[in-house]
Amino acid sequence: MRLTPIPADLSFRKSSYSTPQNCVEVADIPGGDTAVRDSQNPDLGYFVVPGGEWAALLDSVKRHGL
């Protein structure tokens, strides 16, 4: 459960793992979590990935070339 409010002015950046057809943007949230959204439809909102799970995903992508 998230106890820290999410700032309204998140600074999104394009993920280095994006392709022209499959683009996502990510933003760091204070406290270590990450917000993820579709860069082609940013007005549809974002979802929040807990910091530990985000780190595990990135580690898996780096190790297995997903």
PDB file of N, CA and C in Angstrom:
ATOM      1  N   MET A   1       0.846  -1.167   0.000  1.00  0.00           N
ATOM      2  CA  MET A   1       0.000   0.000   0.000  1.00  0.00           C
ATOM      3  C   MET A   1       0.900   1.241   0.000  1.00  0.00           C
ATOM      4  N   ARG A   2       0.551   2.219  -0.823  1.00  0.00           N
ATOM      5  CA  ARG A   2       1.314   3.464  -0.942  1.00  0.00           C
ATOM      6  C   ARG A   2       0.826   4.448   0.097  1.00  0.00           C
ATOM      7  N   LEU A   3       1.764   4.948   0.908  1.00  0.00           N
ATOM      8  CA  LEU A   3       1.414   5.918   1.934  1.00  0.00           C
ATOM      9  C   LEU A   3       1.787   7.335   1.542  1.00  0.00           C
ATOM     10  N   THR A   4       2.711   7.475   0.593  1.00  0.00           N
ATOM     11  CA  THR A   4       3.163   8.783   0.145  1.00  0.00           C
ATOM     12  C   THR A   4       2.330   9.218  -1.057  1.00  0.00           C
ATOM     13  N   PRO A   5       1.802  10.427  -1.064  1.00  0.00           N
ATOM     14  CA  PRO A   5       1.037  10.883  -2.227  1.00  0.00           C
ATOM     15  C   PRO A   5       1.925  10.971  -3.478  1.00  0.00           C
ATOM     16  N   ILE A   6       1.322  10.717  -4.617  1.00  0.00           N
ATOM     17  CA  ILE A   6       2.047  10.828  -5.888  1.00  0.00           C
ATOM     18  C   ILE A   6       1.933  12.263  -6.375  1.00  0.00           C
ATOM     19  N   PRO A   7       3.072  12.912  -6.684  1.00  0.00           N
ATOM     20  CA  PRO A   7       3.022  14.298  -7.166  1.00  0.00           C
ATOM     21  C   PRO A   7       2.253  14.400  -8.485  1.00  0.00           C
ATOM     22  N   ALA A   8       1.546  15.489  -8.668  1.00  0.00           N
ATOM     23  CA  ALA A   8       0.780  15.701  -9.899  1.00  0.00           C
ATOM     24  C   ALA A   8       1.679  16.060 -11.072  1.00  0.00           C
ATOM     25  N   ASP A   9       2.865  16.565 -10.803  1.00  0.00           N
ATOM     26  CA  ASP A   9       3.753  17.046 -11.869  1.00  0.00           C
ATOM     27  C   ASP A   9       4.913  16.090 -12.115  1.00  0.00           C
ATOM     28  N   LEU A  10       4.625  14.823 -12.346  1.00  0.00           N
ATOM     29  CA  LEU A  10       5.674  13.850 -12.624  1.00  0.00           C
ATOM     30  C   LEU A  10       6.401  14.215 -13.909  1.00  0.00           C
ATOM     31  N   SER A  11       7.688  13.956 -13.941  1.00  0.00           N
ATOM     32  CA  SER A  11       8.503  14.248 -15.118  1.00  0.00           C
ATOM     33  C   SER A  11       8.777  12.934 -15.858  1.00  0.00           C
ATOM     34  N   PHE A  12       7.991  12.682 -16.900  1.00  0.00           N
ATOM     35  CA  PHE A  12       8.124  11.437 -17.652  1.00  0.00           C
ATOM     36  C   PHE A  12       9.238  11.544 -18.688  1.00  0.00           C
ATOM     37  N   ARG A  13       9.917  10.419 -18.907  1.00  0.00           N
ATOM     38  CA  ARG A  13      10.942  10.307 -19.946  1.00  0.00           C
ATOM     39  C   ARG A  13      10.692   9.005 -20.698  1.00  0.00           C
ATOM     40  N   LYS A  14      11.098   8.989 -21.961  1.00  0.00           N
ATOM     41  CA  LYS A  14      10.898   7.793 -22.772  1.00  0.00           C
ATOM     42  C   LYS A  14      11.840   6.699 -22.286  1.00  0.00           C
ATOM     43  N   SER A  15      11.326   5.519 -22.135  1.00  0.00           N
ATOM     44  CA  SER A  15      12.126   4.388 -21.706  1.00  0.00           C
ATOM     45  C   SER A  15      13.150   4.039 -22.770  1.00  0.00           C
ATOM     46  N   SER A  16      14.346   3.679 -22.337  1.00  0.00           N
ATOM     47  CA  SER A  16      15.388   3.294 -23.291  1.00  0.00           C
ATOM     48  C   SER A  16      15.061   1.963 -23.962  1.00  0.00           C
ATOM     49  N   TYR A  17      14.084   1.230 -23.444  1.00  0.00           N
ATOM     50  CA  TYR A  17      13.679  -0.037 -24.045  1.00  0.00           C
ATOM     51  C   TYR A  17      12.519   0.120 -25.023  1.00  0.00           C
ATOM     52  N   SER A  18      12.097   1.350 -25.296  1.00  0.00           N
ATOM     53  CA  SER A  18      10.986   1.601 -26.208  1.00  0.00           C
ATOM     54  C   SER A  18      11.424   1.442 -27.655  1.00  0.00           C
ATOM     55  N   THR A  19      10.457   1.112 -28.483  1.00  0.00           N
ATOM     56  CA  THR A  19      10.654   1.099 -29.939  1.00  0.00           C
ATOM     57  C   THR A  19       9.641   2.081 -30.520  1.00  0.00           C
ATOM     58  N   PRO A  20       9.782   2.449 -31.798  1.00  0.00           N
ATOM     59  CA  PRO A  20       8.799   3.388 -32.365  1.00  0.00           C
ATOM     60  C   PRO A  20       7.352   2.877 -32.297  1.00  0.00           C
ATOM     61  N   GLN A  21       7.158   1.561 -32.336  1.00  0.00           N
ATOM     62  CA  GLN A  21       5.803   1.007 -32.294  1.00  0.00           C
ATOM     63  C   GLN A  21       5.316   0.766 -30.862  1.00  0.00           C
ATOM     64  N   ASN A  22       6.224   0.545 -29.949  1.00  0.00           N
ATOM     65  CA  ASN A  22       5.877   0.196 -28.570  1.00  0.00           C
ATOM     66  C   ASN A  22       6.594   1.133 -27.612  1.00  0.00           C
ATOM     67  N   CYS A  23       6.028   2.310 -27.432  1.00  0.00           N
ATOM     68  CA  CYS A  23       6.695   3.327 -26.616  1.00  0.00           C
ATOM     69  C   CYS A  23       6.058   3.446 -25.242  1.00  0.00           C
ATOM     70  N   VAL A  24       6.895   3.424 -24.237  1.00  0.00           N
ATOM     71  CA  VAL A  24       6.440   3.712 -22.888  1.00  0.00           C
ATOM     72  C   VAL A  24       7.305   4.816 -22.311  1.00  0.00           C
ATOM     73  N   GLU A  25       6.717   5.555 -21.391  1.00  0.00           N
ATOM     74  CA  GLU A  25       7.431   6.585 -20.667  1.00  0.00           C
ATOM     75  C   GLU A  25       7.401   6.217 -19.199  1.00  0.00           C
ATOM     76  N   VAL A  26       8.466   6.572 -18.499  1.00  0.00           N
ATOM     77  CA  VAL A  26       8.554   6.279 -17.072  1.00  0.00           C
ATOM     78  C   VAL A  26       8.875   7.555 -16.308  1.00  0.00           C
ATOM     79  N   ALA A  27       8.468   7.592 -15.057  1.00  0.00           N
ATOM     80  CA  ALA A  27       8.767   8.726 -14.181  1.00  0.00           C
ATOM     81  C   ALA A  27       9.089   8.179 -12.794  1.00  0.00           C
ATOM     82  N   ASP A  28      10.129   8.734 -12.191  1.00  0.00           N
ATOM     83  CA  ASP A  28      10.490   8.361 -10.828  1.00  0.00           C
ATOM     84  C   ASP A  28       9.541   9.046  -9.855  1.00  0.00           C
ATOM     85  N   ILE A  29       9.064   8.278  -8.895  1.00  0.00           N
ATOM     86  CA  ILE A  29       8.166   8.799  -7.864  1.00  0.00           C
ATOM     87  C   ILE A  29       8.956   8.854  -6.561  1.00  0.00           C
ATOM     88  N   PRO A  30       8.873   9.952  -5.826  1.00  0.00           N
ATOM     89  CA  PRO A  30       9.564  10.007  -4.533  1.00  0.00           C
ATOM     90  C   PRO A  30       9.202   8.788  -3.675  1.00  0.00           C
ATOM     91  N   GLY A  31      10.201   8.176  -3.105  1.00  0.00           N
ATOM     92  CA  GLY A  31       9.991   6.978  -2.308  1.00  0.00           C
ATOM     93  C   GLY A  31      10.445   5.721  -3.026  1.00  0.00           C
ATOM     94  N   GLY A  32      10.798   5.826  -4.318  1.00  0.00           N
ATOM     95  CA  GLY A  32      11.372   4.695  -5.037  1.00  0.00           C
ATOM     96  C   GLY A  32      10.496   3.993  -6.039  1.00  0.00           C
ATOM     97  N   ASP A  33       9.215   4.313  -6.123  1.00  0.00           N
ATOM     98  CA  ASP A  33       8.339   3.670  -7.098  1.00  0.00           C
ATOM     99  C   ASP A  33       8.516   4.318  -8.472  1.00  0.00           C
ATOM    100  N   THR A  34       7.934   3.682  -9.500  1.00  0.00           N
ATOM    101  CA  THR A  34       8.024   4.184 -10.874  1.00  0.00           C
ATOM    102  C   THR A  34       6.638   4.231 -11.491  1.00  0.00           C
ATOM    103  N   ALA A  35       6.325   5.349 -12.165  1.00  0.00           N
ATOM    104  CA  ALA A  35       5.069   5.468 -12.914  1.00  0.00           C
ATOM    105  C   ALA A  35       5.364   5.117 -14.374  1.00  0.00           C
ATOM    106  N   VAL A  36       4.453   4.383 -15.010  1.00  0.00           N
ATOM    107  CA  VAL A  36       4.630   3.943 -16.394  1.00  0.00           C
ATOM    108  C   VAL A  36       3.379   4.323 -17.174  1.00  0.00           C
ATOM    109  N   ARG A  37       3.584   4.895 -18.373  1.00  0.00           N
ATOM    110  CA  ARG A  37       2.432   5.232 -19.221  1.00  0.00           C
ATOM    111  C   ARG A  37       2.773   4.999 -20.687  1.00  0.00           C
ATOM    112  N   ASP A  38       1.760   4.912 -21.502  1.00  0.00           N
ATOM    113  CA  ASP A  38       1.880   4.767 -22.950  1.00  0.00           C
ATOM    114  C   ASP A  38       2.180   6.142 -23.534  1.00  0.00           C
ATOM    115  N   SER A  39       3.328   6.291 -24.197  1.00  0.00           N
ATOM    116  CA  SER A  39       3.703   7.612 -24.709  1.00  0.00           C
ATOM    117  C   SER A  39       2.806   8.068 -25.854  1.00  0.00           C
ATOM    118  N   GLN A  40       2.131   7.144 -26.517  1.00  0.00           N
ATOM    119  CA  GLN A  40       1.222   7.525 -27.597  1.00  0.00           C
ATOM    120  C   GLN A  40      -0.149   7.947 -27.068  1.00  0.00           C
ATOM    121  N   ASN A  41      -0.435   7.631 -25.816  1.00  0.00           N
ATOM    122  CA  ASN A  41      -1.715   7.979 -25.189  1.00  0.00           C
ATOM    123  C   ASN A  41      -1.499   8.449 -23.750  1.00  0.00           C
ATOM    124  N   PRO A  42      -0.710   9.494 -23.544  1.00  0.00           N
ATOM    125  CA  PRO A  42      -0.386   9.904 -22.171  1.00  0.00           C
ATOM    126  C   PRO A  42      -1.587  10.378 -21.361  1.00  0.00           C
ATOM    127  N   ASP A  43      -2.637  10.825 -22.018  1.00  0.00           N
ATOM    128  CA  ASP A  43      -3.819  11.307 -21.296  1.00  0.00           C
ATOM    129  C   ASP A  43      -4.639  10.184 -20.668  1.00  0.00           C
ATOM    130  N   LEU A  44      -4.317   8.933 -21.015  1.00  0.00           N
ATOM    131  CA  LEU A  44      -5.050   7.801 -20.443  1.00  0.00           C
ATOM    132  C   LEU A  44      -4.549   7.441 -19.052  1.00  0.00           C
ATOM    133  N   GLY A  45      -3.497   8.116 -18.593  1.00  0.00           N
ATOM    134  CA  GLY A  45      -3.011   7.893 -17.241  1.00  0.00           C
ATOM    135  C   GLY A  45      -1.793   6.988 -17.196  1.00  0.00           C
ATOM    136  N   TYR A  46      -1.471   6.519 -16.006  1.00  0.00           N
ATOM    137  CA  TYR A  46      -0.297   5.686 -15.786  1.00  0.00           C
ATOM    138  C   TYR A  46      -0.586   4.696 -14.669  1.00  0.00           C
ATOM    139  N   PHE A  47       0.284   3.707 -14.565  1.00  0.00           N
ATOM    140  CA  PHE A  47       0.195   2.793 -13.429  1.00  0.00           C
ATOM    141  C   PHE A  47       1.501   2.870 -12.653  1.00  0.00           C
ATOM    142  N   VAL A  48       1.454   2.501 -11.398  1.00  0.00           N
ATOM    143  CA  VAL A  48       2.607   2.606 -10.515  1.00  0.00           C
ATOM    144  C   VAL A  48       3.159   1.210 -10.235  1.00  0.00           C
ATOM    145  N   VAL A  49       4.481   1.081 -10.407  1.00  0.00           N
ATOM    146  CA  VAL A  49       5.172  -0.171 -10.116  1.00  0.00           C
ATOM    147  C   VAL A  49       6.031   0.054  -8.871  1.00  0.00           C
ATOM    148  N   PRO A  50       5.867  -0.764  -7.833  1.00  0.00           N
ATOM    149  CA  PRO A  50       6.698  -0.609  -6.644  1.00  0.00           C
ATOM    150  C   PRO A  50       8.189  -0.728  -6.991  1.00  0.00           C
ATOM    151  N   GLY A  51       9.013   0.008  -6.270  1.00  0.00           N
ATOM    152  CA  GLY A  51      10.436   0.093  -6.577  1.00  0.00           C
ATOM    153  C   GLY A  51      11.146  -1.242  -6.705  1.00  0.00           C
ATOM    154  N   GLY A  52      10.912  -2.157  -5.777  1.00  0.00           N
ATOM    155  CA  GLY A  52      11.573  -3.458  -5.836  1.00  0.00           C
ATOM    156  C   GLY A  52      11.168  -4.276  -7.046  1.00  0.00           C
ATOM    157  N   GLU A  53       9.906  -4.188  -7.405  1.00  0.00           N
ATOM    158  CA  GLU A  53       9.426  -4.922  -8.577  1.00  0.00           C
ATOM    159  C   GLU A  53       9.967  -4.313  -9.861  1.00  0.00           C
ATOM    160  N   TRP A  54      10.085  -2.983  -9.900  1.00  0.00           N
ATOM    161  CA  TRP A  54      10.647  -2.306 -11.076  1.00  0.00           C
ATOM    162  C   TRP A  54      12.112  -2.707 -11.244  1.00  0.00           C
ATOM    163  N   ALA A  55      12.863  -2.732 -10.151  1.00  0.00           N
ATOM    164  CA  ALA A  55      14.275  -3.122 -10.208  1.00  0.00           C
ATOM    165  C   ALA A  55      14.414  -4.566 -10.691  1.00  0.00           C
ATOM    166  N   ALA A  56      13.545  -5.456 -10.225  1.00  0.00           N
ATOM    167  CA  ALA A  56      13.586  -6.855 -10.656  1.00  0.00           C
ATOM    168  C   ALA A  56      13.263  -6.975 -12.145  1.00  0.00           C
ATOM    169  N   LEU A  57      12.295  -6.204 -12.630  1.00  0.00           N
ATOM    170  CA  LEU A  57      11.961  -6.225 -14.060  1.00  0.00           C
ATOM    171  C   LEU A  57      13.146  -5.765 -14.898  1.00  0.00           C
ATOM    172  N   LEU A  58      13.756  -4.644 -14.525  1.00  0.00           N
ATOM    173  CA  LEU A  58      14.902  -4.135 -15.287  1.00  0.00           C
ATOM    174  C   LEU A  58      16.065  -5.119 -15.258  1.00  0.00           C
ATOM    175  N   ASP A  59      16.312  -5.735 -14.115  1.00  0.00           N
ATOM    176  CA  ASP A  59      17.381  -6.718 -14.007  1.00  0.00           C
ATOM    177  C   ASP A  59      17.117  -7.898 -14.938  1.00  0.00           C
ATOM    178  N   SER A  60      15.885  -8.370 -14.976  1.00  0.00           N
ATOM    179  CA  SER A  60      15.527  -9.489 -15.842  1.00  0.00           C
ATOM    180  C   SER A  60      15.690  -9.126 -17.313  1.00  0.00           C
ATOM    181  N   VAL A  61      15.264  -7.935 -17.680  1.00  0.00           N
ATOM    182  CA  VAL A  61      15.405  -7.481 -19.067  1.00  0.00           C
ATOM    183  C   VAL A  61      16.873  -7.418 -19.454  1.00  0.00           C
ATOM    184  N   LYS A  62      17.697  -6.871 -18.571  1.00  0.00           N
ATOM    185  CA  LYS A  62      19.132  -6.751 -18.863  1.00  0.00           C
ATOM    186  C   LYS A  62      19.803  -8.125 -18.975  1.00  0.00           C
ATOM    187  N   ARG A  63      19.437  -9.046 -18.100  1.00  0.00           N
ATOM    188  CA  ARG A  63      20.075 -10.365 -18.107  1.00  0.00           C
ATOM    189  C   ARG A  63      19.595 -11.264 -19.236  1.00  0.00           C
ATOM    190  N   HIS A  64      18.315 -11.145 -19.592  1.00  0.00           N
ATOM    191  CA  HIS A  64      17.744 -12.084 -20.561  1.00  0.00           C
ATOM    192  C   HIS A  64      17.445 -11.452 -21.913  1.00  0.00           C
ATOM    193  N   GLY A  65      17.722 -10.159 -22.064  1.00  0.00           N
ATOM    194  CA  GLY A  65      17.513  -9.490 -23.343  1.00  0.00           C
ATOM    195  C   GLY A  65      16.072  -9.476 -23.803  1.00  0.00           C
ATOM    196  N   LEU A  66      15.152  -9.314 -22.895  1.00  0.00           N
ATOM    197  CA  LEU A  66      13.733  -9.277 -23.261  1.00  0.00           C
ATOM    198  C   LEU A  66      13.379  -8.004 -23.968  1.00  0.00           C
TER     199      LEU A  66
END
